[in-house]
Amino acid sequence: MTQLDTTDIKVTETLDCSGLLCPLPVYQAGIALGRLAPDEVLKLVTTDPGALEDIPAMARQRGDTLLATKQGEGVQTFWLKTGGGR
């Protein structure tokens, strides 16, 4: 995974799934990404530890790009760029 300065990422939409457990963060992120145009960025916040595996897998399956992931104090944050092939 690329180490980017996340302050330089232009976020189109932020989705806070704190408190939700699998499969809800993945499901809601998929819906949010579907609303975005190609090359827009979703910032996803979740407290579900399973998201560390689930979100990258979802991005690969959808053809989206996981730009960055940050973890800390029970919170995972993901920056996902929508695929250009829509």
C-alpha atoms as a PDB file:
ATOM      1  CA  MET A   1       0.000   0.000   0.000  1.00  0.00           C
ATOM      2  CA  THR A   2       1.247   3.441  -0.881  1.00  0.00           C
ATOM      3  CA  GLN A   3       2.287   5.744   1.923  1.00  0.00           C
ATOM      4  CA  LEU A   4       0.742   9.081   1.023  1.00  0.00           C
ATOM      5  CA  ASP A   5       0.369  12.244   3.013  1.00  0.00           C
ATOM      6  CA  THR A   6      -3.376  11.933   3.426  1.00  0.00           C
ATOM      7  CA  THR A   7      -3.725  15.681   3.878  1.00  0.00           C
ATOM      8  CA  ASP A   8      -2.919  15.979   0.162  1.00  0.00           C
ATOM      9  CA  ILE A   9      -5.789  13.697  -0.894  1.00  0.00           C
ATOM     10  CA  LYS A  10      -8.798  15.609  -2.224  1.00  0.00           C
ATOM     11  CA  VAL A  11     -11.782  13.849  -0.635  1.00  0.00           C
ATOM     12  CA  THR A  12     -15.099  13.938  -2.501  1.00  0.00           C
ATOM     13  CA  GLU A  13     -17.205  12.276   0.209  1.00  0.00           C
ATOM     14  CA  THR A  14     -16.657  11.051   3.766  1.00  0.00           C
ATOM     15  CA  LEU A  15     -18.525   8.051   5.156  1.00  0.00           C
ATOM     16  CA  ASP A  16     -18.404   7.321   8.901  1.00  0.00           C
ATOM     17  CA  CYS A  17     -19.280   3.696   9.639  1.00  0.00           C
ATOM     18  CA  SER A  18     -18.079   3.801  13.242  1.00  0.00           C
ATOM     19  CA  GLY A  19     -19.888   1.276  15.403  1.00  0.00           C
ATOM     20  CA  LEU A  20     -21.019  -0.873  12.464  1.00  0.00           C
ATOM     21  CA  LEU A  21     -19.806  -4.439  12.067  1.00  0.00           C
ATOM     22  CA  CYS A  22     -19.259  -6.566   8.975  1.00  0.00           C
ATOM     23  CA  PRO A  23     -20.778  -6.584   6.431  1.00  0.00           C
ATOM     24  CA  LEU A  24     -22.250  -3.087   6.901  1.00  0.00           C
ATOM     25  CA  PRO A  25     -19.067  -0.988   6.389  1.00  0.00           C
ATOM     26  CA  VAL A  26     -18.326  -2.820   3.124  1.00  0.00           C
ATOM     27  CA  TYR A  27     -21.950  -2.618   1.994  1.00  0.00           C
ATOM     28  CA  GLN A  28     -22.277   1.097   2.744  1.00  0.00           C
ATOM     29  CA  ALA A  29     -18.884   1.881   1.203  1.00  0.00           C
ATOM     30  CA  GLY A  30     -19.920   0.077  -1.986  1.00  0.00           C
ATOM     31  CA  ILE A  31     -23.091   2.167  -2.201  1.00  0.00           C
ATOM     32  CA  ALA A  32     -21.156   5.396  -1.575  1.00  0.00           C
ATOM     33  CA  LEU A  33     -18.511   4.519  -4.185  1.00  0.00           C
ATOM     34  CA  GLY A  34     -21.266   3.757  -6.677  1.00  0.00           C
ATOM     35  CA  ARG A  35     -22.549   7.335  -6.325  1.00  0.00           C
ATOM     36  CA  LEU A  36     -19.149   8.836  -7.129  1.00  0.00           C
ATOM     37  CA  ALA A  37     -17.773   9.633 -10.566  1.00  0.00           C
ATOM     38  CA  PRO A  38     -14.563   7.979 -11.803  1.00  0.00           C
ATOM     39  CA  ASP A  39     -11.423   9.181  -9.998  1.00  0.00           C
ATOM     40  CA  GLU A  40     -13.330  10.701  -7.066  1.00  0.00           C
ATOM     41  CA  VAL A  41     -12.276   9.788  -3.518  1.00  0.00           C
ATOM     42  CA  LEU A  42     -14.227   8.308  -0.631  1.00  0.00           C
ATOM     43  CA  LYS A  43     -12.821   8.645   2.873  1.00  0.00           C
ATOM     44  CA  LEU A  44     -14.190   5.773   4.950  1.00  0.00           C
ATOM     45  CA  VAL A  45     -13.961   5.657   8.752  1.00  0.00           C
ATOM     46  CA  THR A  46     -14.751   2.410  10.560  1.00  0.00           C
ATOM     47  CA  THR A  47     -14.204   0.760  13.921  1.00  0.00           C
ATOM     48  CA  ASP A  48     -14.679  -2.794  12.596  1.00  0.00           C
ATOM     49  CA  PRO A  49     -11.268  -4.552  12.738  1.00  0.00           C
ATOM     50  CA  GLY A  50     -12.397  -6.884   9.940  1.00  0.00           C
ATOM     51  CA  ALA A  51     -12.451  -3.883   7.611  1.00  0.00           C
ATOM     52  CA  LEU A  52      -8.651  -4.058   7.407  1.00  0.00           C
ATOM     53  CA  GLU A  53      -9.067  -7.101   5.163  1.00  0.00           C
ATOM     54  CA  ASP A  54     -12.572  -6.500   3.820  1.00  0.00           C
ATOM     55  CA  ILE A  55     -12.141  -2.978   2.403  1.00  0.00           C
ATOM     56  CA  PRO A  56      -8.991  -3.721   0.351  1.00  0.00           C
ATOM     57  CA  ALA A  57     -10.683  -6.870  -1.010  1.00  0.00           C
ATOM     58  CA  MET A  58     -13.790  -4.882  -1.953  1.00  0.00           C
ATOM     59  CA  ALA A  59     -11.669  -2.250  -3.716  1.00  0.00           C
ATOM     60  CA  ARG A  60      -9.877  -4.921  -5.769  1.00  0.00           C
ATOM     61  CA  GLN A  61     -13.160  -6.592  -6.726  1.00  0.00           C
ATOM     62  CA  ARG A  62     -14.740  -3.292  -7.789  1.00  0.00           C
ATOM     63  CA  GLY A  63     -11.679  -2.027  -9.659  1.00  0.00           C
ATOM     64  CA  ASP A  64     -11.188   0.873  -7.256  1.00  0.00           C
ATOM     65  CA  THR A  65      -7.848   2.009  -5.815  1.00  0.00           C
ATOM     66  CA  LEU A  66      -7.005   1.983  -2.114  1.00  0.00           C
ATOM     67  CA  LEU A  67      -4.889   5.127  -1.818  1.00  0.00           C
ATOM     68  CA  ALA A  68      -4.094   4.934   1.884  1.00  0.00           C
ATOM     69  CA  THR A  69      -5.048   3.318   5.182  1.00  0.00           C
ATOM     70  CA  LYS A  70      -4.486   4.666   8.685  1.00  0.00           C
ATOM     71  CA  GLN A  71      -5.053   2.796  11.939  1.00  0.00           C
ATOM     72  CA  GLY A  72      -5.162   4.120  15.461  1.00  0.00           C
ATOM     73  CA  GLU A  73      -7.018   3.667  18.736  1.00  0.00           C
ATOM     74  CA  GLY A  74      -9.606   1.249  17.359  1.00  0.00           C
ATOM     75  CA  VAL A  75     -10.350   3.316  14.260  1.00  0.00           C
ATOM     76  CA  GLN A  76      -9.407   2.500  10.678  1.00  0.00           C
ATOM     77  CA  THR A  77      -9.565   5.133   7.949  1.00  0.00           C
ATOM     78  CA  PHE A  78      -9.420   4.304   4.238  1.00  0.00           C
ATOM     79  CA  TRP A  79      -9.077   6.568   1.206  1.00  0.00           C
ATOM     80  CA  LEU A  80     -10.555   4.898  -1.881  1.00  0.00           C
ATOM     81  CA  LYS A  81     -10.440   6.275  -5.419  1.00  0.00           C
ATOM     82  CA  THR A  82     -13.161   5.095  -7.755  1.00  0.00           C
ATOM     83  CA  GLY A  83     -12.074   3.144 -10.812  1.00  0.00           C
ATOM     84  CA  GLY A  84     -12.019   4.858 -14.146  1.00  0.00           C
ATOM     85  CA  GLY A  85     -13.769   2.073 -16.045  1.00  0.00           C
ATOM     86  CA  ARG A  86     -17.360   2.901 -15.147  1.00  0.00           C
END
